[in-house]
Amino acid sequence: MADPLATLSFAPIDSLRPNVLLYQPLSDDSRSQSSSRQDAVKVVILATWLGGASASRIAVYCRGYQALFPSASILLIRTVLSDITVKSCATVQAQLEPARDFLMSTFPRGTESVEGKALLHTFSHGGCNSALQLSRLLRGSDPTAMFPIPLLGVVLDSCPGSSSFAKAYSGAVYSLPNTRTPGAHLLGRAFLLPVIGTVSFLQAYGLLASVEDLRRELNDLTSFGPVPRLYLHSKGDRLVAAEDVASHADEVGKVLPVWRETWEVAEHVALPLEDAKRYWDAVCSFVENAQRQRVARL
């Protein structure tokens, strides 16, 4: 069976780092009939989630963005469980070097473009972690440095939640790969109990970054710059509570323009299944609003 991402012309930038993929349009012919909304986005950065993030599910969002912004490149960063459990920050950032190099070549320092910025879309805590590690890599050793890539805005899909043990364990179980081997999933669940327990203990004593740290870093304006936010989440999400997303949006909404769209029954990172039109209309409206605000500031 063909890889859905390969079918959409996604390929790893570096064969040694297969989880950083790139799609680039074949030509700029689409610009002849493009809108100001399409021209506003030069690169879409997708940082995916953990559990159930199969190529076919990721392809849903890739196709959506290809349709919305036909002349934009799409930088896809896939996240795996080890990225947030056993790998060091240095290891994760080394994996992201192809993404950094592509973004820096597309948006050279000191060349603030009037047209064509990047749009960052993160999914769940796994995507947030990847996006923050990319931000650290881009900003270098100076903790006060601002995110150097010109962003039009940030979309946070099904995130961020809380750091409770129950949510962390449920999220880890959700991340287990599907298998037909009898008892494999049960063994995986049993294995995760001490692992998540240890991680929670280390987080509680400040020895390992927690979801609370992630929430704070997401709302640090140096991470992605003072750009608008769109929060997309669901009351039916059993892994990330709607009130946790709302409180995070309310906090940063004191200093940044924020929009929030809440679904009723959709599962975690599955909002288009409830209403695909509403989902993409929300993204489209967000980009148009962010672009209008940007033009007004020029």
Protein backbone atom coordinates (compact mmCIF):
# COMPACT_ATOMS: atom_id res chain seq x y z
CA MET A 1 0.00 0.00 0.00
CA ALA A 2 1.37 3.41 -0.98
CA ASP A 3 2.45 5.82 1.74
CA PRO A 4 -0.22 8.56 1.87
CA LEU A 5 2.43 11.21 2.58
CA ALA A 6 4.63 10.11 -0.32
CA THR A 7 1.53 10.22 -2.52
CA LEU A 8 1.14 13.88 -1.50
CA SER A 9 4.81 14.49 -2.51
CA PHE A 10 6.20 14.64 1.03
CA ALA A 11 9.74 13.33 1.46
CA PRO A 12 12.37 13.51 4.23
CA ILE A 13 14.77 16.43 3.85
CA ASP A 14 17.54 14.21 5.22
CA SER A 15 17.29 10.42 4.91
CA LEU A 16 19.02 10.07 8.30
CA ARG A 17 16.25 12.10 9.96
CA PRO A 18 13.08 10.56 8.49
CA ASN A 19 10.64 12.43 10.75
CA VAL A 20 11.31 15.83 9.16
CA LEU A 21 9.57 15.91 5.79
CA LEU A 22 9.00 18.62 3.22
CA TYR A 23 6.44 19.29 0.52
CA GLN A 24 7.15 21.96 -2.06
CA PRO A 25 4.78 23.01 -4.88
CA LEU A 26 5.96 22.09 -8.34
CA SER A 27 5.54 25.63 -9.59
CA ASP A 28 4.16 29.06 -8.76
CA ASP A 29 1.42 28.79 -11.37
CA SER A 30 -1.22 28.88 -8.64
CA ARG A 31 -0.17 32.42 -7.72
CA SER A 32 -1.81 33.77 -10.88
CA GLN A 33 -5.19 33.23 -9.24
CA SER A 34 -4.13 33.40 -5.61
CA SER A 35 -5.77 35.52 -2.94
CA SER A 36 -4.17 37.75 -0.34
CA ARG A 37 -4.86 34.98 2.18
CA GLN A 38 -2.88 32.46 0.14
CA ASP A 39 -0.03 34.90 -0.44
CA ALA A 40 0.18 35.56 3.31
CA VAL A 41 1.52 32.06 4.00
CA LYS A 42 4.81 30.99 2.45
CA VAL A 43 5.46 27.98 4.68
CA VAL A 44 3.14 25.88 6.85
CA ILE A 45 4.90 24.15 9.76
CA LEU A 46 3.01 21.09 11.01
CA ALA A 47 4.21 19.54 14.28
CA THR A 48 2.24 16.32 14.77
CA TRP A 49 0.93 14.49 17.81
CA LEU A 50 1.84 11.10 19.27
CA GLY A 51 -0.87 8.47 19.58
CA GLY A 52 -2.55 7.41 16.37
CA ALA A 53 -0.54 9.82 14.25
CA SER A 54 -0.48 7.48 11.27
CA ALA A 55 0.50 8.69 7.83
CA SER A 56 -3.12 8.48 6.72
CA ARG A 57 -4.36 10.67 9.60
CA ILE A 58 -1.56 13.19 9.13
CA ALA A 59 -2.37 13.29 5.41
CA VAL A 60 -5.82 14.72 6.24
CA TYR A 61 -4.19 17.93 7.46
CA CYS A 62 -1.58 17.96 4.70
CA ARG A 63 -4.28 17.78 2.02
CA GLY A 64 -6.25 20.49 3.79
CA TYR A 65 -3.31 22.88 3.81
CA GLN A 66 -2.38 22.05 0.22
CA ALA A 67 -5.90 23.08 -0.75
CA LEU A 68 -5.90 26.27 1.36
CA PHE A 69 -2.41 27.44 0.37
CA PRO A 70 -1.48 25.80 -2.97
CA SER A 71 1.68 27.90 -3.39
CA ALA A 72 3.00 27.26 0.15
CA SER A 73 5.65 24.76 1.19
CA ILE A 74 4.70 22.44 4.06
CA LEU A 75 7.31 21.47 6.63
CA LEU A 76 6.14 18.35 8.47
CA ILE A 77 7.66 17.35 11.81
CA ARG A 78 6.53 13.94 13.05
CA THR A 79 6.78 13.23 16.78
CA VAL A 80 7.40 9.83 18.41
CA LEU A 81 6.95 8.80 22.05
CA SER A 82 10.69 8.62 22.76
CA ASP A 83 10.99 12.32 21.85
CA ILE A 84 9.24 13.28 25.09
CA THR A 85 10.25 10.38 27.35
CA VAL A 86 13.82 9.14 26.92
CA LYS A 87 15.56 11.46 24.46
CA SER A 88 17.46 14.51 25.69
CA CYS A 89 16.64 17.98 24.42
CA ALA A 90 19.97 18.00 22.59
CA THR A 91 19.07 14.77 20.79
CA VAL A 92 15.63 16.02 19.76
CA GLN A 93 17.07 19.31 18.56
CA ALA A 94 19.72 17.48 16.51
CA GLN A 95 16.89 15.61 14.80
CA LEU A 96 15.31 18.96 13.92
CA GLU A 97 18.37 20.46 12.22
CA PRO A 98 17.00 19.87 8.68
CA ALA A 99 13.88 21.83 9.66
CA ARG A 100 16.00 24.66 11.05
CA ASP A 101 18.19 24.79 7.94
CA PHE A 102 15.17 24.89 5.61
CA LEU A 103 13.48 27.68 7.58
CA MET A 104 16.66 29.76 7.84
CA SER A 105 17.28 29.46 4.09
CA THR A 106 13.67 30.40 3.34
CA PHE A 107 13.60 33.30 5.80
CA PRO A 108 17.18 34.64 6.06
CA ARG A 109 17.90 36.76 9.13
CA GLY A 110 17.38 40.46 8.64
CA THR A 111 15.14 40.07 5.61
CA GLU A 112 11.67 40.68 7.02
CA SER A 113 9.43 40.04 4.02
CA VAL A 114 6.34 42.11 3.37
CA GLU A 115 4.65 39.01 1.97
CA GLY A 116 4.76 35.35 2.81
CA LYS A 117 5.26 34.40 6.43
CA ALA A 118 5.14 31.01 8.15
CA LEU A 119 2.09 29.52 9.86
CA LEU A 120 2.79 27.15 12.76
CA HIS A 121 0.23 24.42 13.54
CA THR A 122 0.95 22.18 16.54
CA PHE A 123 -1.03 19.12 17.61
CA SER A 124 -1.30 17.93 21.22
CA HIS A 125 1.62 17.90 23.66
CA GLY A 126 3.87 15.96 21.30
CA GLY A 127 3.58 18.63 18.63
CA CYS A 128 4.02 21.41 21.18
CA ASN A 129 7.22 19.80 22.44
CA SER A 130 8.62 19.49 18.92
CA ALA A 131 7.70 23.09 18.12
CA LEU A 132 9.33 24.37 21.31
CA GLN A 133 12.48 22.32 20.69
CA LEU A 134 12.62 23.80 17.18
CA SER A 135 12.24 27.27 18.69
CA ARG A 136 15.14 26.64 21.09
CA LEU A 137 17.28 25.37 18.22
CA LEU A 138 16.50 28.41 16.08
CA ARG A 139 17.09 30.89 18.90
CA GLY A 140 20.42 29.36 19.91
CA SER A 141 22.12 29.83 23.25
CA ASP A 142 20.53 33.19 24.09
CA PRO A 143 17.39 32.49 26.19
CA THR A 144 16.13 36.03 25.62
CA ALA A 145 16.37 35.83 21.82
CA MET A 146 13.10 36.12 19.92
CA PHE A 147 11.88 33.44 17.51
CA PRO A 148 13.72 34.39 14.29
CA ILE A 149 11.24 33.05 11.73
CA PRO A 150 8.48 35.53 10.76
CA LEU A 151 5.24 33.90 11.87
CA LEU A 152 1.79 35.02 10.82
CA GLY A 153 0.24 33.08 13.68
CA VAL A 154 0.14 29.87 15.74
CA VAL A 155 -2.60 27.23 15.70
CA LEU A 156 -2.81 24.98 18.79
CA ASP A 157 -4.88 21.88 18.08
CA SER A 158 -6.08 19.82 21.07
CA CYS A 159 -3.61 21.42 23.47
CA PRO A 160 -2.32 22.22 26.00
CA GLY A 161 -3.79 20.17 28.82
CA SER A 162 -2.70 19.46 32.39
CA SER A 163 0.07 17.35 33.93
CA SER A 164 -2.13 14.95 35.94
CA PHE A 165 -0.96 11.32 36.13
CA ALA A 166 -4.28 10.04 34.78
CA LYS A 167 -4.09 12.27 31.70
CA ALA A 168 -0.41 11.46 31.15
CA TYR A 169 -1.06 7.73 31.36
CA SER A 170 -4.10 7.92 29.08
CA GLY A 171 -2.07 9.88 26.58
CA ALA A 172 0.76 7.34 26.65
CA VAL A 173 -1.67 4.45 26.18
CA TYR A 174 -3.21 6.34 23.27
CA SER A 175 0.29 6.53 21.78
CA LEU A 176 0.82 2.77 21.77
CA PRO A 177 1.04 1.41 18.21
CA ASN A 178 -1.77 -0.75 16.92
CA THR A 179 -0.83 -4.43 16.76
CA ARG A 180 -2.57 -7.73 16.12
CA THR A 181 -0.25 -9.66 18.44
CA PRO A 182 -2.38 -11.17 21.24
CA GLY A 183 -1.77 -9.47 24.58
CA ALA A 184 0.74 -6.96 23.17
CA HIS A 185 -1.40 -3.94 23.96
CA LEU A 186 -2.08 -5.19 27.49
CA LEU A 187 1.65 -5.66 28.06
CA GLY A 188 2.29 -2.18 26.73
CA ARG A 189 -0.22 -0.70 29.17
CA ALA A 190 1.40 -2.56 32.06
CA PHE A 191 4.86 -1.39 31.00
CA LEU A 192 3.72 2.22 30.84
CA LEU A 193 2.52 2.35 34.46
CA PRO A 194 5.99 2.45 36.07
CA VAL A 195 7.37 4.55 33.20
CA ILE A 196 4.74 7.27 33.53
CA GLY A 197 4.94 7.02 37.31
CA THR A 198 8.69 7.66 37.20
CA VAL A 199 8.27 10.53 34.74
CA SER A 200 5.57 12.09 36.95
CA PHE A 201 7.84 11.77 40.01
CA LEU A 202 10.76 13.43 38.23
CA GLN A 203 8.48 16.20 36.97
CA ALA A 204 7.06 16.81 40.44
CA TYR A 205 10.57 17.37 41.81
CA GLY A 206 11.64 19.58 38.93
CA LEU A 207 14.09 17.06 37.50
CA LEU A 208 12.20 16.70 34.21
CA ALA A 209 10.13 19.16 32.21
CA SER A 210 6.39 18.84 32.86
CA VAL A 211 3.24 19.86 31.03
CA GLU A 212 3.13 22.89 33.31
CA ASP A 213 6.59 23.85 32.03
CA LEU A 214 5.32 23.35 28.49
CA ARG A 215 2.31 25.57 29.15
CA ARG A 216 4.54 28.33 30.52
CA GLU A 217 7.00 28.10 27.63
CA LEU A 218 4.21 28.23 25.06
CA ASN A 219 3.04 31.52 26.58
CA ASP A 220 6.55 32.97 26.74
CA LEU A 221 6.50 35.45 23.85
CA THR A 222 10.12 34.71 22.98
CA SER A 223 9.10 31.17 21.97
CA PHE A 224 7.13 32.17 18.86
CA GLY A 225 6.91 35.93 18.97
CA PRO A 226 3.95 38.23 19.71
CA VAL A 227 1.66 36.75 17.05
CA PRO A 228 -2.04 35.80 17.10
CA ARG A 229 -3.18 32.40 18.37
CA LEU A 230 -5.98 30.05 17.35
CA TYR A 231 -7.00 27.32 19.80
CA LEU A 232 -8.96 24.38 18.36
CA HIS A 233 -10.23 21.83 20.89
CA SER A 234 -13.15 19.66 21.95
CA LYS A 235 -15.30 19.03 24.98
CA GLY A 236 -15.25 15.36 24.00
CA ASP A 237 -11.46 15.13 24.24
CA ARG A 238 -10.64 12.59 27.00
CA LEU A 239 -6.92 13.45 27.05
CA VAL A 240 -6.94 17.25 27.07
CA ALA A 241 -9.70 18.94 29.05
CA ALA A 242 -11.49 21.86 27.43
CA GLU A 243 -11.08 23.97 30.58
CA ASP A 244 -7.30 23.49 30.52
CA VAL A 245 -7.13 24.77 26.94
CA ALA A 246 -9.45 27.66 27.78
CA SER A 247 -7.36 28.77 30.77
CA HIS A 248 -4.19 28.78 28.66
CA ALA A 249 -5.92 30.80 25.94
CA ASP A 250 -7.28 33.26 28.50
CA GLU A 251 -3.82 33.81 29.97
CA VAL A 252 -2.08 34.65 26.71
CA GLY A 253 -5.18 36.48 25.49
CA LYS A 254 -4.29 39.29 27.89
CA VAL A 255 -1.37 40.26 25.65
CA LEU A 256 -2.08 38.68 22.24
CA PRO A 257 -5.06 38.41 19.87
CA VAL A 258 -6.62 35.00 20.52
CA TRP A 259 -9.41 33.05 18.84
CA ARG A 260 -10.84 29.80 20.22
CA GLU A 261 -13.11 27.24 18.54
CA THR A 262 -14.67 24.47 20.65
CA TRP A 263 -16.11 21.24 19.27
CA GLU A 264 -18.68 19.19 21.17
CA VAL A 265 -17.94 15.48 20.72
CA ALA A 266 -14.72 15.09 18.69
CA GLU A 267 -12.00 12.84 20.09
CA HIS A 268 -8.41 13.95 20.65
CA VAL A 269 -6.85 15.42 17.47
CA ALA A 270 -9.89 14.40 15.44
CA LEU A 271 -11.82 17.65 15.07
CA PRO A 272 -12.30 17.42 11.28
CA LEU A 273 -14.19 14.15 11.77
CA GLU A 274 -16.92 16.07 13.58
CA ASP A 275 -17.06 18.98 11.14
CA ALA A 276 -14.36 19.32 8.50
CA LYS A 277 -15.85 22.44 6.93
CA ARG A 278 -15.95 24.26 10.23
CA TYR A 279 -12.37 23.21 10.95
CA TRP A 280 -10.89 24.58 7.74
CA ASP A 281 -13.14 27.64 7.80
CA ALA A 282 -11.72 28.42 11.26
CA VAL A 283 -8.14 28.13 9.99
CA CYS A 284 -8.96 30.22 6.92
CA SER A 285 -10.64 32.96 8.97
CA PHE A 286 -7.75 32.98 11.43
CA VAL A 287 -5.20 33.53 8.65
CA GLU A 288 -7.30 36.30 7.10
CA ASN A 289 -7.74 38.06 10.46
CA ALA A 290 -4.04 37.73 11.27
CA GLN A 291 -3.11 39.10 7.86
CA ARG A 292 -5.46 42.08 8.25
CA GLN A 293 -3.92 42.90 11.63
CA ARG A 294 -0.44 42.61 10.16
CA VAL A 295 -1.22 44.91 7.24
CA ALA A 296 -2.79 47.42 9.63
CA ARG A 297 0.47 47.57 11.62
CA LEU A 298 2.65 48.22 8.54
